[in-house]
C-alpha atoms as a PDB file:
ATOM      1  CA  MET A   1      11.561 148.475  59.748  1.00  0.00           C
ATOM      2  CA  THR A   2       9.273 149.906  57.066  1.00  0.00           C
ATOM      3  CA  CYS A   3      10.899 152.139  54.478  1.00  0.00           C
ATOM      4  CA  PHE A   4       9.058 154.434  52.114  1.00  0.00           C
ATOM      5  CA  VAL A   5       9.869 155.676  48.630  1.00  0.00           C
ATOM      6  CA  TYR A   6       8.141 158.955  47.886  1.00  0.00           C
ATOM      7  CA  VAL A   7       7.613 161.509  45.142  1.00  0.00           C
ATOM      8  CA  LEU A   8       7.162 165.162  46.086  1.00  0.00           C
ATOM      9  CA  GLY A   9       5.771 167.839  43.811  1.00  0.00           C
ATOM     10  CA  SER A  10       6.159 171.610  43.762  1.00  0.00           C
ATOM     11  CA  SER A  11       5.181 174.369  41.393  1.00  0.00           C
ATOM     12  CA  GLY A  12       6.761 177.788  41.394  1.00  0.00           C
ATOM     13  CA  GLU A  13       9.316 179.846  39.558  1.00  0.00           C
ATOM     14  CA  GLY A  14      10.787 177.695  36.833  1.00  0.00           C
ATOM     15  CA  GLY A  15       7.694 175.496  36.561  1.00  0.00           C
ATOM     16  CA  ALA A  16       6.632 172.260  38.194  1.00  0.00           C
ATOM     17  CA  ARG A  17       9.251 169.993  39.760  1.00  0.00           C
ATOM     18  CA  THR A  18       9.328 166.573  41.335  1.00  0.00           C
ATOM     19  CA  TYR A  19      11.708 165.063  43.860  1.00  0.00           C
ATOM     20  CA  VAL A  20      12.146 161.353  44.621  1.00  0.00           C
ATOM     21  CA  GLY A  21      13.557 160.052  47.887  1.00  0.00           C
ATOM     22  CA  TRP A  22      13.285 157.359  50.545  1.00  0.00           C
ATOM     23  CA  THR A  23      12.776 157.510  54.307  1.00  0.00           C
ATOM     24  CA  THR A  24      11.527 155.616  57.340  1.00  0.00           C
ATOM     25  CA  ASP A  25       9.259 158.509  58.446  1.00  0.00           C
ATOM     26  CA  LEU A  26       7.259 160.249  55.691  1.00  0.00           C
ATOM     27  CA  ASP A  27       5.784 163.029  57.840  1.00  0.00           C
ATOM     28  CA  ARG A  28       9.136 164.014  59.341  1.00  0.00           C
ATOM     29  CA  ARG A  29      10.862 163.939  55.947  1.00  0.00           C
ATOM     30  CA  LEU A  30       8.205 166.090  54.241  1.00  0.00           C
ATOM     31  CA  ALA A  31       8.432 168.591  57.111  1.00  0.00           C
ATOM     32  CA  ALA A  32      12.227 168.678  56.706  1.00  0.00           C
ATOM     33  CA  HIS A  33      11.949 169.394  52.970  1.00  0.00           C
ATOM     34  CA  ASN A  34       9.443 172.190  53.583  1.00  0.00           C
ATOM     35  CA  ALA A  35      11.563 173.659  56.398  1.00  0.00           C
ATOM     36  CA  GLY A  36      14.582 173.891  54.096  1.00  0.00           C
ATOM     37  CA  THR A  37      16.559 171.231  55.969  1.00  0.00           C
ATOM     38  CA  GLY A  38      15.964 168.416  53.462  1.00  0.00           C
ATOM     39  CA  ALA A  39      17.948 167.872  50.297  1.00  0.00           C
ATOM     40  CA  ARG A  40      19.630 170.952  48.848  1.00  0.00           C
ATOM     41  CA  SER A  41      17.618 170.692  45.620  1.00  0.00           C
ATOM     42  CA  THR A  42      14.332 171.006  47.544  1.00  0.00           C
ATOM     43  CA  ARG A  43      15.130 174.207  49.431  1.00  0.00           C
ATOM     44  CA  GLY A  44      13.053 177.334  48.847  1.00  0.00           C
ATOM     45  CA  ARG A  45       9.934 175.551  47.572  1.00  0.00           C
ATOM     46  CA  ALA A  46       6.691 174.317  49.108  1.00  0.00           C
ATOM     47  CA  TRP A  47       6.377 170.549  48.565  1.00  0.00           C
ATOM     48  CA  ILE A  48       3.401 168.208  48.648  1.00  0.00           C
ATOM     49  CA  LEU A  49       3.432 164.426  48.755  1.00  0.00           C
ATOM     50  CA  LEU A  50       2.306 163.078  45.372  1.00  0.00           C
ATOM     51  CA  TYR A  51       3.027 159.372  45.764  1.00  0.00           C
ATOM     52  CA  ALA A  52       4.467 156.855  48.232  1.00  0.00           C
ATOM     53  CA  GLU A  53       5.222 153.125  48.376  1.00  0.00           C
ATOM     54  CA  ALA A  54       6.138 151.020  51.434  1.00  0.00           C
ATOM     55  CA  TYR A  55       8.933 148.414  51.505  1.00  0.00           C
ATOM     56  CA  GLN A  56      10.195 146.000  54.144  1.00  0.00           C
ATOM     57  CA  SER A  57      13.887 146.705  53.635  1.00  0.00           C
ATOM     58  CA  ARG A  58      16.150 149.647  52.978  1.00  0.00           C
ATOM     59  CA  GLY A  59      17.657 147.890  49.961  1.00  0.00           C
ATOM     60  CA  GLU A  60      14.265 147.430  48.275  1.00  0.00           C
ATOM     61  CA  ALA A  61      13.374 151.081  48.907  1.00  0.00           C
ATOM     62  CA  MET A  62      16.683 152.349  47.568  1.00  0.00           C
ATOM     63  CA  SER A  63      16.368 150.195  44.452  1.00  0.00           C
ATOM     64  CA  ARG A  64      12.853 151.469  43.776  1.00  0.00           C
ATOM     65  CA  GLU A  65      14.017 155.068  44.379  1.00  0.00           C
ATOM     66  CA  TRP A  66      16.724 154.578  41.731  1.00  0.00           C
ATOM     67  CA  HIS A  67      14.122 153.383  39.220  1.00  0.00           C
ATOM     68  CA  LEU A  68      11.630 156.165  39.977  1.00  0.00           C
ATOM     69  CA  LYS A  69      14.306 158.835  39.593  1.00  0.00           C
ATOM     70  CA  ARG A  70      14.821 157.644  36.026  1.00  0.00           C
ATOM     71  CA  ASP A  71      11.103 157.320  35.186  1.00  0.00           C
ATOM     72  CA  ARG A  72      10.422 160.877  34.030  1.00  0.00           C
ATOM     73  CA  LYS A  73       7.193 159.892  32.291  1.00  0.00           C
ATOM     74  CA  PHE A  74       5.695 158.608  35.575  1.00  0.00           C
ATOM     75  CA  ARG A  75       6.874 161.674  37.524  1.00  0.00           C
ATOM     76  CA  LYS A  76       5.449 164.033  34.894  1.00  0.00           C
ATOM     77  CA  MET A  77       2.104 162.219  35.039  1.00  0.00           C
ATOM     78  CA  LEU A  78       2.050 162.624  38.833  1.00  0.00           C
ATOM     79  CA  SER A  79       2.889 166.333  38.722  1.00  0.00           C
ATOM     80  CA  GLU A  80       0.223 167.056  36.091  1.00  0.00           C
ATOM     81  CA  GLY A  81      -2.430 165.313  38.156  1.00  0.00           C
ATOM     82  CA  ALA A  82      -1.732 167.387  41.276  1.00  0.00           C
END
């Protein structure tokens, strides 16, 4: 099973934001975030996919997600380039 780690970006009231998560289906997960049924912190904003990586296991994806959530410099660079 392929797992993906992704970074979403959104700009709106309160400035630009990023969100990091993992999934097995990128298209479905992005649609869920934009429909307001994703994570609570993503509701009420329009999100675009800024970055994604593929992994062979859930454990690898979750580990990489943990690291990306703490890498604010990388996330800021992604959101400024969008």
